Amino acid sequence: MSEPESWSPCPAGELSQLQETLHQQRAKLRARRRFLIASSSALAATGGMVALTLIPSSPPTPVKLTPVSCREAHDLMTAYLAGTLKSDAKRSSIQAHLDRCPGCKRLYEANA
């Protein structure tokens, strides 16, 4: 076993140098904390702005349904089945007609 080192006084200025090193490390740590707080605040603000731009300002206008006769439903059935109707309103009107007309619904199901 080795003998324990005996105590000796610190060289002149060593404690002040140690104190200065600790002070610099604390200053760096405070700067890092400030940077993290500032960057997280900026990120949160940016995320909030993105969220606000993605949320629609007003709800979409509902599609106005116009009544469709059985004859019109029969005439448009091929286009409806193919998914080639250009008008969302017409597509919704035909769907509403199929929901309430059993004869047209049977025709639709026979061709689907």
PDB file of N, CA and C in Angstrom:
ATOM      1  N   MET A   1       0.833  -1.184   0.000  1.00  0.00           N
ATOM      2  CA  MET A   1       0.000   0.000   0.000  1.00  0.00           C
ATOM      3  C   MET A   1       0.865   1.229   0.000  1.00  0.00           C
ATOM      4  N   SER A   2       0.349   2.242  -0.634  1.00  0.00           N
ATOM      5  CA  SER A   2       1.111   3.492  -0.657  1.00  0.00           C
ATOM      6  C   SER A   2       0.691   4.362   0.511  1.00  0.00           C
ATOM      7  N   GLU A   3       1.594   5.171   0.889  1.00  0.00           N
ATOM      8  CA  GLU A   3       1.303   6.062   2.011  1.00  0.00           C
ATOM      9  C   GLU A   3       0.449   7.221   1.530  1.00  0.00           C
ATOM     10  N   PRO A   4      -0.508   7.660   2.349  1.00  0.00           N
ATOM     11  CA  PRO A   4      -1.336   8.803   1.947  1.00  0.00           C
ATOM     12  C   PRO A   4      -0.468  10.046   1.810  1.00  0.00           C
ATOM     13  N   GLU A   5      -0.872  10.876   0.849  1.00  0.00           N
ATOM     14  CA  GLU A   5      -0.127  12.120   0.641  1.00  0.00           C
ATOM     15  C   GLU A   5      -0.343  13.026   1.828  1.00  0.00           C
ATOM     16  N   SER A   6       0.686  13.736   2.154  1.00  0.00           N
ATOM     17  CA  SER A   6       0.537  14.665   3.266  1.00  0.00           C
ATOM     18  C   SER A   6      -0.053  15.967   2.747  1.00  0.00           C
ATOM     19  N   TRP A   7      -0.710  16.665   3.638  1.00  0.00           N
ATOM     20  CA  TRP A   7      -1.354  17.913   3.264  1.00  0.00           C
ATOM     21  C   TRP A   7      -0.304  18.980   3.059  1.00  0.00           C
ATOM     22  N   SER A   8      -0.558  19.785   1.996  1.00  0.00           N
ATOM     23  CA  SER A   8       0.342  20.916   1.782  1.00  0.00           C
ATOM     24  C   SER A   8      -0.494  22.106   1.360  1.00  0.00           C
ATOM     25  N   PRO A   9      -0.064  23.294   1.661  1.00  0.00           N
ATOM     26  CA  PRO A   9      -0.844  24.474   1.299  1.00  0.00           C
ATOM     27  C   PRO A   9      -0.908  24.648  -0.217  1.00  0.00           C
ATOM     28  N   CYS A  10      -2.007  25.261  -0.684  1.00  0.00           N
ATOM     29  CA  CYS A  10      -2.186  25.519  -2.119  1.00  0.00           C
ATOM     30  C   CYS A  10      -1.181  26.572  -2.558  1.00  0.00           C
ATOM     31  N   PRO A  11      -0.738  26.453  -3.810  1.00  0.00           N
ATOM     32  CA  PRO A  11       0.135  27.499  -4.321  1.00  0.00           C
ATOM     33  C   PRO A  11      -0.628  28.817  -4.398  1.00  0.00           C
ATOM     34  N   ALA A  12       0.081  29.882  -4.370  1.00  0.00           N
ATOM     35  CA  ALA A  12      -0.529  31.218  -4.401  1.00  0.00           C
ATOM     36  C   ALA A  12      -1.355  31.381  -5.675  1.00  0.00           C
ATOM     37  N   GLY A  13      -2.577  31.861  -5.535  1.00  0.00           N
ATOM     38  CA  GLY A  13      -3.438  32.153  -6.684  1.00  0.00           C
ATOM     39  C   GLY A  13      -4.258  30.972  -7.182  1.00  0.00           C
ATOM     40  N   GLU A  14      -4.030  29.767  -6.677  1.00  0.00           N
ATOM     41  CA  GLU A  14      -4.760  28.599  -7.178  1.00  0.00           C
ATOM     42  C   GLU A  14      -6.244  28.669  -6.817  1.00  0.00           C
ATOM     43  N   LEU A  15      -6.594  29.108  -5.620  1.00  0.00           N
ATOM     44  CA  LEU A  15      -8.000  29.224  -5.228  1.00  0.00           C
ATOM     45  C   LEU A  15      -8.722  30.288  -6.060  1.00  0.00           C
ATOM     46  N   SER A  16      -8.044  31.405  -6.322  1.00  0.00           N
ATOM     47  CA  SER A  16      -8.684  32.426  -7.158  1.00  0.00           C
ATOM     48  C   SER A  16      -8.887  31.924  -8.579  1.00  0.00           C
ATOM     49  N   GLN A  17      -7.953  31.132  -9.085  1.00  0.00           N
ATOM     50  CA  GLN A  17      -8.097  30.578 -10.431  1.00  0.00           C
ATOM     51  C   GLN A  17      -9.267  29.585 -10.456  1.00  0.00           C
ATOM     52  N   LEU A  18      -9.382  28.762  -9.417  1.00  0.00           N
ATOM     53  CA  LEU A  18     -10.494  27.828  -9.314  1.00  0.00           C
ATOM     54  C   LEU A  18     -11.829  28.577  -9.237  1.00  0.00           C
ATOM     55  N   GLN A  19     -11.859  29.644  -8.467  1.00  0.00           N
ATOM     56  CA  GLN A  19     -13.065  30.457  -8.350  1.00  0.00           C
ATOM     57  C   GLN A  19     -13.435  31.067  -9.709  1.00  0.00           C
ATOM     58  N   GLU A  20     -12.474  31.558 -10.452  1.00  0.00           N
ATOM     59  CA  GLU A  20     -12.723  32.151 -11.777  1.00  0.00           C
ATOM     60  C   GLU A  20     -13.241  31.085 -12.752  1.00  0.00           C
ATOM     61  N   THR A  21     -12.677  29.881 -12.703  1.00  0.00           N
ATOM     62  CA  THR A  21     -13.134  28.794 -13.579  1.00  0.00           C
ATOM     63  C   THR A  21     -14.591  28.435 -13.275  1.00  0.00           C
ATOM     64  N   LEU A  22     -14.925  28.317 -11.999  1.00  0.00           N
ATOM     65  CA  LEU A  22     -16.313  28.029 -11.613  1.00  0.00           C
ATOM     66  C   LEU A  22     -17.257  29.142 -12.050  1.00  0.00           C
ATOM     67  N   HIS A  23     -16.829  30.388 -11.930  1.00  0.00           N
ATOM     68  CA  HIS A  23     -17.638  31.526 -12.351  1.00  0.00           C
ATOM     69  C   HIS A  23     -17.905  31.460 -13.862  1.00  0.00           C
ATOM     70  N   GLN A  24     -16.887  31.124 -14.656  1.00  0.00           N
ATOM     71  CA  GLN A  24     -17.045  31.017 -16.115  1.00  0.00           C
ATOM     72  C   GLN A  24     -17.999  29.865 -16.481  1.00  0.00           C
ATOM     73  N   GLN A  25     -17.872  28.744 -15.772  1.00  0.00           N
ATOM     74  CA  GLN A  25     -18.764  27.615 -16.048  1.00  0.00           C
ATOM     75  C   GLN A  25     -20.224  27.965 -15.736  1.00  0.00           C
ATOM     76  N   ARG A  26     -20.433  28.671 -14.642  1.00  0.00           N
ATOM     77  CA  ARG A  26     -21.796  29.097 -14.299  1.00  0.00           C
ATOM     78  C   ARG A  26     -22.346  30.074 -15.330  1.00  0.00           C
ATOM     79  N   ALA A  27     -21.500  30.983 -15.812  1.00  0.00           N
ATOM     80  CA  ALA A  27     -21.935  31.948 -16.829  1.00  0.00           C
ATOM     81  C   ALA A  27     -22.327  31.222 -18.112  1.00  0.00           C
ATOM     82  N   LYS A  28     -21.555  30.202 -18.521  1.00  0.00           N
ATOM     83  CA  LYS A  28     -21.893  29.423 -19.719  1.00  0.00           C
ATOM     84  C   LYS A  28     -23.214  28.685 -19.525  1.00  0.00           C
ATOM     85  N   LEU A  29     -23.402  28.131 -18.331  1.00  0.00           N
ATOM     86  CA  LEU A  29     -24.642  27.422 -18.032  1.00  0.00           C
ATOM     87  C   LEU A  29     -25.848  28.358 -18.094  1.00  0.00           C
ATOM     88  N   ARG A  30     -25.702  29.571 -17.530  1.00  0.00           N
ATOM     89  CA  ARG A  30     -26.797  30.555 -17.596  1.00  0.00           C
ATOM     90  C   ARG A  30     -27.083  30.948 -19.042  1.00  0.00           C
ATOM     91  N   ALA A  31     -26.031  31.114 -19.850  1.00  0.00           N
ATOM     92  CA  ALA A  31     -26.223  31.473 -21.263  1.00  0.00           C
ATOM     93  C   ALA A  31     -26.951  30.352 -22.007  1.00  0.00           C
ATOM     94  N   ARG A  32     -26.592  29.098 -21.736  1.00  0.00           N
ATOM     95  CA  ARG A  32     -27.285  27.972 -22.372  1.00  0.00           C
ATOM     96  C   ARG A  32     -28.757  27.940 -21.977  1.00  0.00           C
ATOM     97  N   ARG A  33     -29.036  28.162 -20.702  1.00  0.00           N
ATOM     98  CA  ARG A  33     -30.431  28.174 -20.247  1.00  0.00           C
ATOM     99  C   ARG A  33     -31.223  29.268 -20.933  1.00  0.00           C
ATOM    100  N   ARG A  34     -30.632  30.480 -21.016  1.00  0.00           N
ATOM    101  CA  ARG A  34     -31.322  31.582 -21.695  1.00  0.00           C
ATOM    102  C   ARG A  34     -31.590  31.245 -23.159  1.00  0.00           C
ATOM    103  N   PHE A  35     -30.597  30.625 -23.820  1.00  0.00           N
ATOM    104  CA  PHE A  35     -30.767  30.246 -25.221  1.00  0.00           C
ATOM    105  C   PHE A  35     -31.900  29.226 -25.367  1.00  0.00           C
ATOM    106  N   LEU A  36     -31.937  28.212 -24.498  1.00  0.00           N
ATOM    107  CA  LEU A  36     -32.992  27.203 -24.568  1.00  0.00           C
ATOM    108  C   LEU A  36     -34.367  27.802 -24.332  1.00  0.00           C
ATOM    109  N   ILE A  37     -34.460  28.723 -23.380  1.00  0.00           N
ATOM    110  CA  ILE A  37     -35.747  29.367 -23.105  1.00  0.00           C
ATOM    111  C   ILE A  37     -36.187  30.203 -24.307  1.00  0.00           C
ATOM    112  N   ALA A  38     -35.253  30.965 -24.876  1.00  0.00           N
ATOM    113  CA  ALA A  38     -35.592  31.809 -26.031  1.00  0.00           C
ATOM    114  C   ALA A  38     -35.966  30.960 -27.242  1.00  0.00           C
ATOM    115  N   SER A  39     -35.209  29.888 -27.498  1.00  0.00           N
ATOM    116  CA  SER A  39     -35.518  29.068 -28.669  1.00  0.00           C
ATOM    117  C   SER A  39     -36.826  28.308 -28.489  1.00  0.00           C
ATOM    118  N   SER A  40     -37.119  27.839 -27.252  1.00  0.00           N
ATOM    119  CA  SER A  40     -38.404  27.169 -27.064  1.00  0.00           C
ATOM    120  C   SER A  40     -39.557  28.140 -27.199  1.00  0.00           C
ATOM    121  N   SER A  41     -39.376  29.374 -26.745  1.00  0.00           N
ATOM    122  CA  SER A  41     -40.436  30.372 -26.905  1.00  0.00           C
ATOM    123  C   SER A  41     -40.666  30.666 -28.380  1.00  0.00           C
ATOM    124  N   ALA A  42     -39.569  30.795 -29.128  1.00  0.00           N
ATOM    125  CA  ALA A  42     -39.695  31.050 -30.568  1.00  0.00           C
ATOM    126  C   ALA A  42     -40.364  29.871 -31.266  1.00  0.00           C
ATOM    127  N   LEU A  43     -39.987  28.666 -30.882  1.00  0.00           N
ATOM    128  CA  LEU A  43     -40.586  27.475 -31.483  1.00  0.00           C
ATOM    129  C   LEU A  43     -42.078  27.388 -31.157  1.00  0.00           C
ATOM    130  N   ALA A  44     -42.433  27.698 -29.922  1.00  0.00           N
ATOM    131  CA  ALA A  44     -43.846  27.677 -29.536  1.00  0.00           C
ATOM    132  C   ALA A  44     -44.634  28.728 -30.304  1.00  0.00           C
ATOM    133  N   ALA A  45     -44.056  29.911 -30.477  1.00  0.00           N
ATOM    134  CA  ALA A  45     -44.741  30.973 -31.224  1.00  0.00           C
ATOM    135  C   ALA A  45     -44.907  30.569 -32.687  1.00  0.00           C
ATOM    136  N   THR A  46     -43.872  29.961 -33.257  1.00  0.00           N
ATOM    137  CA  THR A  46     -43.954  29.517 -34.650  1.00  0.00           C
ATOM    138  C   THR A  46     -45.002  28.423 -34.795  1.00  0.00           C
ATOM    139  N   GLY A  47     -45.012  27.481 -33.856  1.00  0.00           N
ATOM    140  CA  GLY A  47     -46.013  26.414 -33.900  1.00  0.00           C
ATOM    141  C   GLY A  47     -47.415  26.972 -33.785  1.00  0.00           C
ATOM    142  N   GLY A  48     -47.590  27.989 -32.949  1.00  0.00           N
ATOM    143  CA  GLY A  48     -48.898  28.629 -32.815  1.00  0.00           C
ATOM    144  C   GLY A  48     -49.325  29.304 -34.103  1.00  0.00           C
ATOM    145  N   MET A  49     -48.375  29.944 -34.774  1.00  0.00           N
ATOM    146  CA  MET A  49     -48.703  30.604 -36.044  1.00  0.00           C
ATOM    147  C   MET A  49     -49.072  29.579 -37.107  1.00  0.00           C
ATOM    148  N   VAL A  50     -48.339  28.464 -37.143  1.00  0.00           N
ATOM    149  CA  VAL A  50     -48.652  27.408 -38.109  1.00  0.00           C
ATOM    150  C   VAL A  50     -50.034  26.844 -37.823  1.00  0.00           C
ATOM    151  N   ALA A  51     -50.329  26.606 -36.563  1.00  0.00           N
ATOM    152  CA  ALA A  51     -51.640  26.065 -36.197  1.00  0.00           C
ATOM    153  C   ALA A  51     -52.753  27.031 -36.603  1.00  0.00           C
ATOM    154  N   LEU A  52     -52.524  28.317 -36.402  1.00  0.00           N
ATOM    155  CA  LEU A  52     -53.548  29.293 -36.766  1.00  0.00           C
ATOM    156  C   LEU A  52     -53.779  29.339 -38.270  1.00  0.00           C
ATOM    157  N   THR A  53     -52.726  29.120 -39.057  1.00  0.00           N
ATOM    158  CA  THR A  53     -52.910  29.142 -40.507  1.00  0.00           C
ATOM    159  C   THR A  53     -53.584  27.874 -41.003  1.00  0.00           C
ATOM    160  N   LEU A  54     -53.476  26.773 -40.253  1.00  0.00           N
ATOM    161  CA  LEU A  54     -54.099  25.524 -40.677  1.00  0.00           C
ATOM    162  C   LEU A  54     -55.561  25.424 -40.277  1.00  0.00           C
ATOM    163  N   ILE A  55     -55.968  26.173 -39.276  1.00  0.00           N
ATOM    164  CA  ILE A  55     -57.353  26.141 -38.826  1.00  0.00           C
ATOM    165  C   ILE A  55     -58.176  27.040 -39.751  1.00  0.00           C
ATOM    166  N   PRO A  56     -59.206  26.508 -40.366  1.00  0.00           N
ATOM    167  CA  PRO A  56     -59.995  27.342 -41.263  1.00  0.00           C
ATOM    168  C   PRO A  56     -60.686  28.466 -40.491  1.00  0.00           C
ATOM    169  N   SER A  57     -60.765  29.621 -41.126  1.00  0.00           N
ATOM    170  CA  SER A  57     -61.348  30.772 -40.454  1.00  0.00           C
ATOM    171  C   SER A  57     -62.871  30.665 -40.369  1.00  0.00           C
ATOM    172  N   SER A  58     -63.476  30.007 -41.319  1.00  0.00           N
ATOM    173  CA  SER A  58     -64.924  29.824 -41.261  1.00  0.00           C
ATOM    174  C   SER A  58     -65.239  28.408 -41.737  1.00  0.00           C
ATOM    175  N   PRO A  59     -66.327  27.856 -41.256  1.00  0.00           N
ATOM    176  CA  PRO A  59     -66.662  26.496 -41.679  1.00  0.00           C
ATOM    177  C   PRO A  59     -67.008  26.472 -43.164  1.00  0.00           C
ATOM    178  N   PRO A  60     -66.765  25.350 -43.818  1.00  0.00           N
ATOM    179  CA  PRO A  60     -67.094  25.266 -45.241  1.00  0.00           C
ATOM    180  C   PRO A  60     -68.594  25.412 -45.447  1.00  0.00           C
ATOM    181  N   THR A  61     -68.950  26.012 -46.560  1.00  0.00           N
ATOM    182  CA  THR A  61     -70.368  26.200 -46.846  1.00  0.00           C
ATOM    183  C   THR A  61     -70.981  24.843 -47.191  1.00  0.00           C
ATOM    184  N   PRO A  62     -72.140  24.554 -46.640  1.00  0.00           N
ATOM    185  CA  PRO A  62     -72.764  23.264 -46.918  1.00  0.00           C
ATOM    186  C   PRO A  62     -73.227  23.180 -48.367  1.00  0.00           C
ATOM    187  N   VAL A  63     -73.226  21.957 -48.882  1.00  0.00           N
ATOM    188  CA  VAL A  63     -73.685  21.730 -50.245  1.00  0.00           C
ATOM    189  C   VAL A  63     -75.200  21.838 -50.256  1.00  0.00           C
ATOM    190  N   LYS A  64     -75.720  22.650 -51.178  1.00  0.00           N
ATOM    191  CA  LYS A  64     -77.165  22.836 -51.274  1.00  0.00           C
ATOM    192  C   LYS A  64     -77.752  21.688 -52.085  1.00  0.00           C
ATOM    193  N   LEU A  65     -78.648  20.952 -51.433  1.00  0.00           N
ATOM    194  CA  LEU A  65     -79.283  19.818 -52.107  1.00  0.00           C
ATOM    195  C   LEU A  65     -80.517  20.284 -52.862  1.00  0.00           C
ATOM    196  N   THR A  66     -80.575  19.907 -54.114  1.00  0.00           N
ATOM    197  CA  THR A  66     -81.772  20.176 -54.896  1.00  0.00           C
ATOM    198  C   THR A  66     -82.446  18.828 -55.156  1.00  0.00           C
ATOM    199  N   PRO A  67     -83.751  18.786 -55.058  1.00  0.00           N
ATOM    200  CA  PRO A  67     -84.443  17.507 -55.261  1.00  0.00           C
ATOM    201  C   PRO A  67     -84.158  16.936 -56.651  1.00  0.00           C
ATOM    202  N   VAL A  68     -83.988  15.622 -56.708  1.00  0.00           N
ATOM    203  CA  VAL A  68     -83.719  14.918 -57.959  1.00  0.00           C
ATOM    204  C   VAL A  68     -84.897  13.976 -58.201  1.00  0.00           C
ATOM    205  N   SER A  69     -85.411  13.998 -59.403  1.00  0.00           N
ATOM    206  CA  SER A  69     -86.514  13.082 -59.743  1.00  0.00           C
ATOM    207  C   SER A  69     -85.928  11.708 -60.051  1.00  0.00           C
ATOM    208  N   CYS A  70     -86.795  10.720 -60.058  1.00  0.00           N
ATOM    209  CA  CYS A  70     -86.347   9.362 -60.392  1.00  0.00           C
ATOM    210  C   CYS A  70     -85.760   9.328 -61.802  1.00  0.00           C
ATOM    211  N   ARG A  71     -86.398  10.060 -62.715  1.00  0.00           N
ATOM    212  CA  ARG A  71     -85.911  10.087 -64.110  1.00  0.00           C
ATOM    213  C   ARG A  71     -84.496  10.647 -64.167  1.00  0.00           C
ATOM    214  N   GLU A  72     -84.254  11.749 -63.464  1.00  0.00           N
ATOM    215  CA  GLU A  72     -82.922  12.365 -63.460  1.00  0.00           C
ATOM    216  C   GLU A  72     -81.912  11.432 -62.778  1.00  0.00           C
ATOM    217  N   ALA A  73     -82.331  10.760 -61.712  1.00  0.00           N
ATOM    218  CA  ALA A  73     -81.438   9.819 -61.027  1.00  0.00           C
ATOM    219  C   ALA A  73     -81.058   8.675 -61.967  1.00  0.00           C
ATOM    220  N   HIS A  74     -82.031   8.176 -62.767  1.00  0.00           N
ATOM    221  CA  HIS A  74     -81.750   7.106 -63.729  1.00  0.00           C
ATOM    222  C   HIS A  74     -80.789   7.604 -64.797  1.00  0.00           C
ATOM    223  N   ASP A  75     -81.018   8.837 -65.290  1.00  0.00           N
ATOM    224  CA  ASP A  75     -80.170   9.388 -66.343  1.00  0.00           C
ATOM    225  C   ASP A  75     -78.723   9.583 -65.868  1.00  0.00           C
ATOM    226  N   LEU A  76     -78.547   9.941 -64.606  1.00  0.00           N
ATOM    227  CA  LEU A  76     -77.204  10.223 -64.082  1.00  0.00           C
ATOM    228  C   LEU A  76     -76.578   9.029 -63.359  1.00  0.00           C
ATOM    229  N   MET A  77     -77.295   7.893 -63.304  1.00  0.00           N
ATOM    230  CA  MET A  77     -76.821   6.748 -62.537  1.00  0.00           C
ATOM    231  C   MET A  77     -75.466   6.243 -63.029  1.00  0.00           C
ATOM    232  N   THR A  78     -75.257   6.167 -64.348  1.00  0.00           N
ATOM    233  CA  THR A  78     -73.991   5.668 -64.894  1.00  0.00           C
ATOM    234  C   THR A  78     -72.826   6.554 -64.450  1.00  0.00           C
ATOM    235  N   ALA A  79     -73.013   7.868 -64.578  1.00  0.00           N
ATOM    236  CA  ALA A  79     -71.958   8.807 -64.165  1.00  0.00           C
ATOM    237  C   ALA A  79     -71.752   8.747 -62.649  1.00  0.00           C
ATOM    238  N   TYR A  80     -72.833   8.568 -61.904  1.00  0.00           N
ATOM    239  CA  TYR A  80     -72.730   8.478 -60.447  1.00  0.00           C
ATOM    240  C   TYR A  80     -71.950   7.232 -60.049  1.00  0.00           C
ATOM    241  N   LEU A  81     -72.275   6.106 -60.684  1.00  0.00           N
ATOM    242  CA  LEU A  81     -71.572   4.860 -60.388  1.00  0.00           C
ATOM    243  C   LEU A  81     -70.098   4.937 -60.775  1.00  0.00           C
ATOM    244  N   ALA A  82     -69.796   5.619 -61.870  1.00  0.00           N
ATOM    245  CA  ALA A  82     -68.412   5.735 -62.337  1.00  0.00           C
ATOM    246  C   ALA A  82     -67.628   6.776 -61.535  1.00  0.00           C
ATOM    247  N   GLY A  83     -68.349   7.602 -60.774  1.00  0.00           N
ATOM    248  CA  GLY A  83     -67.678   8.651 -60.001  1.00  0.00           C
ATOM    249  C   GLY A  83     -67.236   9.818 -60.853  1.00  0.00           C
ATOM    250  N   THR A  84     -67.926  10.032 -61.978  1.00  0.00           N
ATOM    251  CA  THR A  84     -67.513  11.100 -62.895  1.00  0.00           C
ATOM    252  C   THR A  84     -68.425  12.317 -62.857  1.00  0.00           C
ATOM    253  N   LEU A  85     -69.356  12.367 -61.908  1.00  0.00           N
ATOM    254  CA  LEU A  85     -70.187  13.565 -61.787  1.00  0.00           C
ATOM    255  C   LEU A  85     -69.307  14.739 -61.356  1.00  0.00           C
ATOM    256  N   LYS A  86     -69.393  15.842 -62.048  1.00  0.00           N
ATOM    257  CA  LYS A  86     -68.539  16.994 -61.756  1.00  0.00           C
ATOM    258  C   LYS A  86     -69.022  17.782 -60.545  1.00  0.00           C
ATOM    259  N   SER A  87     -70.304  17.812 -60.320  1.00  0.00           N
ATOM    260  CA  SER A  87     -70.883  18.649 -59.278  1.00  0.00           C
ATOM    261  C   SER A  87     -71.058  17.880 -57.972  1.00  0.00           C
ATOM    262  N   ASP A  88     -70.467  18.429 -56.899  1.00  0.00           N
ATOM    263  CA  ASP A  88     -70.654  17.838 -55.576  1.00  0.00           C
ATOM    264  C   ASP A  88     -72.122  17.920 -55.162  1.00  0.00           C
ATOM    265  N   ALA A  89     -72.775  19.006 -55.535  1.00  0.00           N
ATOM    266  CA  ALA A  89     -74.177  19.188 -55.181  1.00  0.00           C
ATOM    267  C   ALA A  89     -75.038  18.114 -55.853  1.00  0.00           C
ATOM    268  N   LYS A  90     -74.757  17.829 -57.120  1.00  0.00           N
ATOM    269  CA  LYS A  90     -75.530  16.822 -57.853  1.00  0.00           C
ATOM    270  C   LYS A  90     -75.285  15.440 -57.254  1.00  0.00           C
ATOM    271  N   ARG A  91     -74.017  15.146 -56.922  1.00  0.00           N
ATOM    272  CA  ARG A  91     -73.675  13.860 -56.319  1.00  0.00           C
ATOM    273  C   ARG A  91     -74.396  13.692 -54.974  1.00  0.00           C
ATOM    274  N   SER A  92     -74.404  14.732 -54.170  1.00  0.00           N
ATOM    275  CA  SER A  92     -75.078  14.680 -52.875  1.00  0.00           C
ATOM    276  C   SER A  92     -76.585  14.552 -53.041  1.00  0.00           C
ATOM    277  N   SER A  93     -77.133  15.231 -54.045  1.00  0.00           N
ATOM    278  CA  SER A  93     -78.579  15.154 -54.295  1.00  0.00           C
ATOM    279  C   SER A  93     -78.987  13.747 -54.716  1.00  0.00           C
ATOM    280  N   ILE A  94     -78.172  13.119 -55.561  1.00  0.00           N
ATOM    281  CA  ILE A  94     -78.487  11.759 -55.990  1.00  0.00           C
ATOM    282  C   ILE A  94     -78.377  10.802 -54.799  1.00  0.00           C
ATOM    283  N   GLN A  95     -77.362  10.986 -53.965  1.00  0.00           N
ATOM    284  CA  GLN A  95     -77.217  10.138 -52.779  1.00  0.00           C
ATOM    285  C   GLN A  95     -78.424  10.288 -51.858  1.00  0.00           C
ATOM    286  N   ALA A  96     -78.883  11.525 -51.680  1.00  0.00           N
ATOM    287  CA  ALA A  96     -80.056  11.760 -50.842  1.00  0.00           C
ATOM    288  C   ALA A  96     -81.288  11.088 -51.452  1.00  0.00           C
ATOM    289  N   HIS A  97     -81.418  11.143 -52.792  1.00  0.00           N
ATOM    290  CA  HIS A  97     -82.543  10.504 -53.479  1.00  0.00           C
ATOM    291  C   HIS A  97     -82.483   8.990 -53.278  1.00  0.00           C
ATOM    292  N   LEU A  98     -81.275   8.411 -53.404  1.00  0.00           N
ATOM    293  CA  LEU A  98     -81.132   6.959 -53.223  1.00  0.00           C
ATOM    294  C   LEU A  98     -81.470   6.540 -51.790  1.00  0.00           C
ATOM    295  N   ASP A  99     -81.181   7.418 -50.846  1.00  0.00           N
ATOM    296  CA  ASP A  99     -81.477   7.106 -49.445  1.00  0.00           C
ATOM    297  C   ASP A  99     -82.977   7.042 -49.172  1.00  0.00           C
ATOM    298  N   ARG A 100     -83.781   7.781 -49.963  1.00  0.00           N
ATOM    299  CA  ARG A 100     -85.210   7.822 -49.670  1.00  0.00           C
ATOM    300  C   ARG A 100     -86.085   7.134 -50.720  1.00  0.00           C
ATOM    301  N   CYS A 101     -85.493   6.689 -51.849  1.00  0.00           N
ATOM    302  CA  CYS A 101     -86.299   6.063 -52.908  1.00  0.00           C
ATOM    303  C   CYS A 101     -85.886   4.593 -53.074  1.00  0.00           C
ATOM    304  N   PRO A 102     -86.733   3.659 -52.618  1.00  0.00           N
ATOM    305  CA  PRO A 102     -86.361   2.238 -52.689  1.00  0.00           C
ATOM    306  C   PRO A 102     -86.187   1.713 -54.114  1.00  0.00           C
ATOM    307  N   GLY A 103     -86.974   2.230 -55.072  1.00  0.00           N
ATOM    308  CA  GLY A 103     -86.858   1.757 -56.456  1.00  0.00           C
ATOM    309  C   GLY A 103     -85.504   2.141 -57.063  1.00  0.00           C
ATOM    310  N   CYS A 104     -85.085   3.386 -56.871  1.00  0.00           N
ATOM    311  CA  CYS A 104     -83.804   3.831 -57.409  1.00  0.00           C
ATOM    312  C   CYS A 104     -82.647   3.166 -56.658  1.00  0.00           C
ATOM    313  N   LYS A 105     -82.860   2.891 -55.388  1.00  0.00           N
ATOM    314  CA  LYS A 105     -81.808   2.237 -54.599  1.00  0.00           C
ATOM    315  C   LYS A 105     -81.587   0.815 -55.123  1.00  0.00           C
ATOM    316  N   ARG A 106     -82.668   0.111 -55.472  1.00  0.00           N
ATOM    317  CA  ARG A 106     -82.539  -1.240 -56.035  1.00  0.00           C
ATOM    318  C   ARG A 106     -81.784  -1.196 -57.358  1.00  0.00           C
ATOM    319  N   LEU A 107     -82.110  -0.191 -58.213  1.00  0.00           N
ATOM    320  CA  LEU A 107     -81.418  -0.032 -59.480  1.00  0.00           C
ATOM    321  C   LEU A 107     -79.925   0.223 -59.254  1.00  0.00           C
ATOM    322  N   TYR A 108     -79.629   1.061 -58.293  1.00  0.00           N
ATOM    323  CA  TYR A 108     -78.230   1.381 -57.962  1.00  0.00           C
ATOM    324  C   TYR A 108     -77.491   0.125 -57.493  1.00  0.00           C
ATOM    325  N   GLU A 109     -78.116  -0.614 -56.576  1.00  0.00           N
ATOM    326  CA  GLU A 109     -77.470  -1.815 -56.030  1.00  0.00           C
ATOM    327  C   GLU A 109     -77.306  -2.901 -57.090  1.00  0.00           C
ATOM    328  N   ALA A 110     -78.233  -2.947 -58.054  1.00  0.00           N
ATOM    329  CA  ALA A 110     -78.128  -3.948 -59.126  1.00  0.00           C
ATOM    330  C   ALA A 110     -76.968  -3.618 -60.060  1.00  0.00           C
ATOM    331  N   ASN A 111     -76.642  -2.353 -60.204  1.00  0.00           N
ATOM    332  CA  ASN A 111     -75.581  -1.940 -61.127  1.00  0.00           C
ATOM    333  C   ASN A 111     -74.230  -1.698 -60.440  1.00  0.00           C
ATOM    334  N   ALA A 112     -74.233  -1.643 -59.127  1.00  0.00           N
ATOM    335  CA  ALA A 112     -72.995  -1.326 -58.416  1.00  0.00           C
ATOM    336  C   ALA A 112     -72.015  -2.477 -58.409  1.00  0.00           C
TER     337      ALA A 112
END
